[in-house]
Protein backbone atom coordinates (compact mmCIF):
# COMPACT_ATOMS: atom_id res chain seq x y z
CA MET A 1 1.21 -4.83 -17.58
CA ARG A 2 4.95 -4.74 -16.90
CA ILE A 3 6.79 -5.05 -20.18
CA VAL A 4 10.33 -4.34 -21.84
CA LEU A 5 10.47 -3.19 -25.49
CA LEU A 6 13.49 -4.60 -27.15
CA GLY A 7 14.79 -3.85 -30.47
CA ALA A 8 17.57 -1.89 -32.37
CA PRO A 9 17.93 1.99 -32.39
CA GLY A 10 15.14 3.41 -34.76
CA SER A 11 12.78 0.08 -34.75
CA GLY A 12 9.81 2.17 -33.42
CA LYS A 13 10.00 1.50 -29.84
CA GLY A 14 9.53 4.89 -28.75
CA THR A 15 6.51 5.65 -30.94
CA GLN A 16 4.70 2.46 -29.96
CA ALA A 17 5.44 3.11 -26.28
CA GLN A 18 3.49 6.39 -26.53
CA ARG A 19 0.48 4.46 -27.94
CA LEU A 20 0.46 1.83 -25.28
CA VAL A 21 0.62 4.58 -22.60
CA ALA A 22 -2.45 6.20 -24.16
CA ARG A 23 -4.38 2.81 -24.47
CA PHE A 24 -3.55 1.21 -21.05
CA GLY A 25 -2.79 4.10 -18.83
CA VAL A 26 0.74 2.82 -17.51
CA PRO A 27 3.80 5.08 -17.84
CA GLN A 28 6.86 4.72 -20.19
CA ILE A 29 9.97 4.68 -18.20
CA SER A 30 12.99 5.70 -20.20
CA THR A 31 16.44 5.49 -18.27
CA GLY A 32 17.74 8.46 -20.25
CA ASP A 33 14.71 10.75 -19.00
CA LEU A 34 15.20 9.37 -15.48
CA LEU A 35 18.89 10.25 -15.32
CA ARG A 36 18.29 13.70 -16.77
CA SER A 37 15.52 14.30 -14.26
CA ALA A 38 17.54 12.99 -11.26
CA VAL A 39 20.70 15.25 -12.36
CA ALA A 40 18.36 18.27 -12.87
CA ARG A 41 16.74 17.84 -9.40
CA GLY A 42 19.99 17.26 -7.81
CA THR A 43 18.85 14.07 -6.15
CA PRO A 44 21.55 11.93 -4.23
CA LEU A 45 21.54 9.44 -7.28
CA GLY A 46 21.61 12.40 -9.60
CA LEU A 47 24.68 13.81 -7.95
CA LYS A 48 26.40 10.36 -8.25
CA ALA A 49 25.41 10.20 -11.91
CA THR A 50 26.82 13.69 -12.34
CA ALA A 51 29.96 12.85 -10.75
CA ALA A 52 30.57 9.81 -13.15
CA MET A 53 29.77 11.86 -16.27
CA ASP A 54 32.08 14.80 -15.24
CA ALA A 55 34.86 12.21 -14.71
CA GLY A 56 34.18 11.06 -18.41
CA ALA A 57 32.83 7.64 -17.07
CA LEU A 58 29.65 5.86 -18.01
CA VAL A 59 26.85 5.96 -15.26
CA SER A 60 27.15 2.52 -13.54
CA ASP A 61 24.43 -0.17 -13.76
CA GLU A 62 23.99 0.12 -10.04
CA ILE A 63 22.91 3.86 -10.16
CA VAL A 64 20.72 3.32 -13.18
CA ILE A 65 19.01 0.20 -11.43
CA ALA A 66 18.49 2.38 -8.24
CA ILE A 67 16.97 5.08 -10.32
CA ILE A 68 14.50 2.67 -11.98
CA ARG A 69 13.64 1.21 -8.49
CA GLU A 70 12.84 4.71 -7.07
CA ARG A 71 10.68 5.38 -10.18
CA LEU A 72 8.86 2.20 -9.71
CA GLY A 73 7.93 3.11 -6.23
CA GLN A 74 5.52 5.84 -7.39
CA MET A 75 1.95 5.56 -7.43
CA ASP A 76 1.25 5.81 -11.10
CA VAL A 77 3.25 2.59 -11.62
CA ALA A 78 0.80 0.48 -9.72
CA GLY A 79 -0.97 -0.72 -12.78
CA GLY A 80 2.38 -1.64 -14.64
CA TYR A 81 5.00 0.02 -16.78
CA ILE A 82 6.94 0.10 -20.05
CA LEU A 83 10.58 -0.17 -20.05
CA ASP A 84 12.07 1.59 -23.17
CA GLY A 85 15.87 1.31 -23.79
CA PHE A 86 16.73 -0.89 -20.75
CA PRO A 87 18.30 -3.25 -20.37
CA ARG A 88 20.82 -2.97 -23.06
CA ASN A 89 23.09 -5.97 -22.05
CA LEU A 90 23.01 -9.44 -20.04
CA ALA A 91 24.64 -7.73 -16.91
CA GLN A 92 21.80 -5.30 -16.78
CA ALA A 93 19.03 -7.72 -17.67
CA ARG A 94 20.19 -9.88 -14.64
CA SER A 95 20.36 -6.81 -12.23
CA LEU A 96 17.02 -5.79 -13.43
CA ALA A 97 15.57 -9.18 -12.81
CA SER A 98 17.05 -9.08 -9.28
CA MET A 99 15.59 -5.83 -8.52
CA LEU A 100 12.13 -6.58 -9.80
CA ALA A 101 11.92 -9.75 -7.93
CA ALA A 102 12.93 -7.99 -4.68
CA ILE A 103 9.97 -5.47 -5.02
CA GLY A 104 7.49 -8.08 -6.37
CA GLN A 105 7.07 -6.41 -9.98
CA PRO A 106 8.52 -9.10 -12.28
CA LEU A 107 8.12 -8.57 -16.10
CA ASP A 108 5.08 -10.02 -17.97
CA ALA A 109 6.60 -9.98 -21.26
CA VAL A 110 9.53 -8.57 -23.44
CA VAL A 111 8.48 -7.34 -26.94
CA LEU A 112 11.09 -7.69 -29.83
CA PHE A 113 10.58 -5.17 -32.72
CA ASN A 114 11.76 -6.70 -35.98
CA VAL A 115 12.81 -4.36 -38.51
CA ASP A 116 15.24 -4.62 -41.51
CA TYR A 117 18.49 -2.51 -40.88
CA GLY A 118 18.12 -0.71 -44.27
CA GLU A 119 14.64 0.48 -43.18
CA ILE A 120 16.12 1.75 -39.72
CA THR A 121 18.56 3.81 -41.39
CA ARG A 122 15.97 5.49 -43.34
CA ARG A 123 13.73 6.00 -40.29
CA ILE A 124 16.49 7.41 -38.22
CA SER A 125 17.83 9.95 -40.68
CA GLY A 126 14.26 11.13 -41.12
CA ARG A 127 13.29 11.35 -37.47
CA ARG A 128 12.40 14.64 -35.89
CA THR A 129 11.52 15.45 -32.08
CA CYS A 130 9.47 18.08 -30.61
CA PRO A 131 11.73 20.09 -28.15
CA ASN A 132 8.57 20.90 -26.05
CA CYS A 133 6.76 17.72 -25.47
CA GLY A 134 9.22 15.04 -26.93
CA THR A 135 6.78 13.67 -29.48
CA ILE A 136 8.48 11.94 -32.15
CA TYR A 137 7.75 12.27 -35.96
CA ASN A 138 9.17 11.12 -39.06
CA VAL A 139 9.35 13.05 -42.24
CA HIS A 140 8.99 9.75 -44.35
CA ASP A 141 5.97 8.81 -42.66
CA ALA A 142 3.15 8.71 -44.88
CA ALA A 143 0.63 10.16 -42.35
CA THR A 144 2.76 13.27 -41.87
CA PRO A 145 5.08 13.77 -44.99
CA GLY A 146 7.76 16.34 -44.52
CA ILE A 147 6.32 17.58 -41.18
CA THR A 148 8.39 20.41 -39.86
CA HIS A 149 6.41 21.46 -36.74
CA CYS A 150 4.91 19.70 -33.61
CA THR A 151 0.95 19.19 -33.89
CA SER A 152 0.70 18.09 -30.32
CA CYS A 153 1.53 21.41 -28.76
CA ALA A 154 -0.55 24.60 -28.86
CA ALA A 155 2.35 26.60 -29.73
CA GLY A 156 3.58 24.31 -32.42
CA PRO A 157 7.40 24.59 -32.07
CA ALA A 158 9.57 23.66 -34.80
CA LEU A 159 10.91 20.00 -34.79
CA THR A 160 14.58 19.27 -34.21
CA GLN A 161 16.80 16.47 -35.30
CA ARG A 162 19.19 15.01 -32.90
CA PRO A 163 23.08 15.37 -34.02
CA ASP A 164 23.37 11.39 -34.02
CA ASP A 165 20.59 10.82 -36.17
CA ASN A 166 22.74 10.32 -39.33
CA GLU A 167 23.58 7.46 -41.47
CA GLN A 168 27.18 7.05 -39.96
CA THR A 169 26.13 7.22 -36.45
CA VAL A 170 23.33 4.61 -37.14
CA THR A 171 25.73 2.17 -38.52
CA ARG A 172 27.94 2.45 -35.38
CA ARG A 173 24.84 2.21 -33.08
CA LEU A 174 23.58 -0.89 -34.80
CA ALA A 175 26.95 -2.47 -34.59
CA VAL A 176 26.97 -1.87 -30.85
CA TYR A 177 23.32 -3.38 -30.63
CA ASP A 178 24.42 -6.51 -32.34
CA GLU A 179 27.26 -7.04 -29.77
CA GLN A 180 25.65 -6.10 -26.54
CA THR A 181 21.95 -5.96 -26.82
CA ARG A 182 20.98 -8.68 -29.30
CA PRO A 183 22.13 -11.59 -26.83
CA LEU A 184 18.97 -10.44 -24.86
CA ILE A 185 16.76 -12.03 -27.41
CA GLU A 186 17.85 -15.64 -26.55
CA HIS A 187 18.09 -14.78 -22.83
CA TYR A 188 14.29 -13.82 -22.58
CA ARG A 189 13.38 -16.52 -25.13
CA ALA A 190 14.69 -19.05 -22.77
CA GLN A 191 12.61 -17.62 -19.88
CA GLY A 192 9.29 -17.94 -21.88
CA LEU A 193 8.95 -13.97 -21.87
CA LEU A 194 9.83 -13.03 -25.32
CA ARG A 195 7.08 -12.00 -27.98
CA SER A 196 8.09 -10.95 -31.37
CA VAL A 197 6.29 -8.23 -33.41
CA ASP A 198 6.70 -7.16 -37.19
CA ALA A 199 7.35 -3.45 -36.73
CA GLU A 200 7.65 -2.62 -40.50
CA GLY A 201 4.66 -1.06 -42.24
CA PRO A 202 2.21 1.83 -41.17
CA VAL A 203 2.34 2.79 -37.71
CA ASP A 204 -1.40 1.81 -37.03
CA GLU A 205 -0.88 -1.48 -38.26
CA VAL A 206 2.22 -2.11 -36.19
CA THR A 207 0.14 -0.95 -33.08
CA ALA A 208 -2.56 -3.59 -33.91
CA ARG A 209 0.20 -6.30 -34.15
CA LEU A 210 1.90 -5.15 -30.92
CA ILE A 211 -1.65 -5.20 -28.71
CA ALA A 212 -2.25 -8.72 -30.30
CA VAL A 213 0.90 -10.05 -29.02
CA LEU A 214 0.41 -8.31 -25.72
CA ALA A 215 -2.89 -9.63 -25.21
CA PRO A 216 -2.03 -12.65 -22.98
CA ALA A 217 0.16 -10.37 -20.59
CA THR A 218 -2.46 -7.89 -20.19
CA ALA A 219 -4.96 -10.47 -19.37
CA ALA A 220 -2.46 -12.00 -16.74
CA SER A 221 -1.84 -8.57 -15.29
CA ARG A 222 -5.53 -7.90 -14.81
CA SER A 223 -6.11 -11.31 -13.25
CA ALA A 224 -3.25 -10.98 -10.78
CA PRO A 225 -5.10 -8.54 -8.43
CA MET A 226 -8.23 -10.76 -8.36
CA ARG A 227 -5.97 -13.69 -7.34
CA LYS A 228 -4.40 -11.72 -4.70
CA ALA A 229 -7.80 -10.62 -3.32
CA LYS A 230 -8.94 -14.14 -3.37
CA ALA A 231 -5.81 -15.39 -1.60
CA LYS A 232 -6.32 -12.86 1.04
CA THR A 233 -9.97 -13.79 1.59
CA LYS A 234 -9.15 -17.40 2.03
CA ALA A 235 -6.28 -16.66 4.33
CA LYS A 236 -8.53 -14.67 6.87
CA PRO A 237 -9.18 -17.00 9.88
CA LYS A 238 -12.70 -17.77 10.70
CA ALA A 239 -14.05 -15.74 13.70
CA LYS A 240 -14.14 -17.76 16.74
CA ARG A 241 -17.59 -17.90 18.52
CA LYS A 242 -17.74 -16.42 21.77
CA PRO A 243 -18.66 -19.33 24.36
CA LYS A 244 -21.94 -19.35 26.12
CA PRO A 245 -21.73 -18.19 29.64
CA LYS A 246 -22.13 -21.13 31.96
CA PRO A 247 -25.20 -20.92 34.41
CA LYS A 248 -24.14 -19.76 37.81
CA PRO A 249 -24.54 -22.76 40.34
CA LYS A 250 -27.52 -22.42 42.64
CA THR A 251 -27.03 -22.22 46.34
CA LYS A 252 -28.77 -24.32 48.78
CA ALA A 253 -30.74 -21.37 50.26
CA LYS A 254 -31.89 -20.35 46.79
CA ALA A 255 -32.98 -24.03 45.99
CA LYS A 256 -35.07 -24.31 49.20
CA ALA A 257 -36.73 -20.94 48.50
CA LYS A 258 -37.81 -21.92 45.02
CA ALA A 259 -39.01 -25.39 46.47
CA LYS A 260 -41.06 -23.43 49.18
CA ALA A 261 -42.47 -21.00 46.42
CA ARG A 262 -43.69 -23.96 44.30
CA GLY A 263 -45.51 -25.48 47.31
CA LYS A 264 -47.21 -22.41 47.90
CA ALA A 265 -48.15 -21.92 44.27
CA ARG A 266 -50.36 -25.02 44.15
CA PRO A 267 -53.59 -24.56 42.40
CA LYS A 268 -56.56 -23.54 44.59
CA ALA A 269 -58.68 -26.26 42.88
CA LYS A 270 -56.78 -29.06 44.21
CA GLN A 271 -56.72 -27.53 47.76
CA ARG A 272 -60.58 -27.21 47.63
CA ALA A 273 -60.95 -30.76 46.35
CA LYS A 274 -58.77 -31.92 49.19
CA ALA A 275 -60.91 -30.15 51.84
CA ARG A 276 -64.14 -31.56 50.20
CA LEU A 277 -62.97 -35.20 50.45
CA ALA A 278 -61.58 -34.77 54.06
CA PRO A 279 -64.96 -35.51 56.05
CA ALA A 280 -65.94 -38.21 53.79
CA ARG A 281 -62.72 -39.88 54.62
CA LYS A 282 -63.13 -39.19 58.28
CA ALA A 283 -66.68 -40.74 58.22
CA THR A 284 -65.44 -43.72 56.50
CA ARG A 285 -62.73 -44.54 59.03
CA THR A 286 -65.21 -44.04 61.67
CA SER A 287 -67.70 -46.44 60.24
CA VAL A 288 -65.11 -49.09 59.71
CA ARG A 289 -64.06 -48.98 63.29
CA LYS A 290 -67.81 -49.30 64.53
CA THR A 291 -68.44 -52.02 62.19
CA ALA A 292 -65.47 -53.95 63.71
CA ARG A 293 -66.51 -53.37 67.33
CA LYS A 294 -70.08 -54.80 66.41
CA LYS A 295 -68.58 -57.90 65.00
CA ALA A 296 -66.25 -58.38 68.05
CA ARG A 297 -69.12 -58.24 70.44
CA LYS A 298 -71.32 -60.63 68.35
CA GLY A 299 -68.52 -63.19 68.38
CA SER A 300 -68.32 -63.17 72.05
CA ARG A 301 -71.81 -64.02 72.85
CA LYS A 302 -72.02 -66.93 70.64
CA SER A 303 -69.03 -68.70 72.33
CA PRO A 304 -70.33 -71.80 74.62
CA ARG A 305 -69.98 -71.50 78.41
CA ARG A 306 -67.77 -73.95 80.16
CA GLY A 307 -69.71 -76.07 82.98
């Protein structure tokens, strides 16, 4: 399952991404987290990002795409991924598509979270984050009203509010979203990738709707390895049978020896029968000769004398 979560700030993408990770076992990839990790580890891409930020410039799309590509090469992404917060504009979307095509991991779907802007303002102003595990809570959530400490960590640290989670900042962020990110809706709709989900209401209900719209994408991603395996099986060439060795030509000497051996191997019964018949045949020949001589003498006696 390879998907992008698309929606305005505060639409619930981060919360639902965590639930998808738990359900499908695929990693959530946040460009903000990747950049912070690369900078902290001092990787070559992290050093480039640090240089841009120190100069007061935005980190270029090329660096962000390269960091995402590096992340997609890790083992835990083999079963899919969830991109949260990227792409933010058409240029990033096109660069992302080119990179994903190059590594053979194209998107299965893009999910749009539909939420009213008034609801978004209420959500963001009530959002709280665990400084230890990053779990996001909301003080307006019916399941955890007025929550102040993390319930996911054993230590239960106090939740914090980001400085930009206030109404004025939210208004500015929504204006930027309308200008830069909203055009992606039609971009992905034209490609047949867009899925829309009603993201208002209890978190569990939103999760159920999200899984429902993702069902075709998850089914396609599960069948893809089977199709590849079948293709590989069909592509295997049939093993060639080894030709039977040709019989060696017989030499004249061997042929004579075999013929002689066959002559010697005649059955004894035939030889005895031939021996028994030999005297009778000889006697018959002798008798025939005697009879012929007698007839010749008699014929000579009967012939008349000449006077």
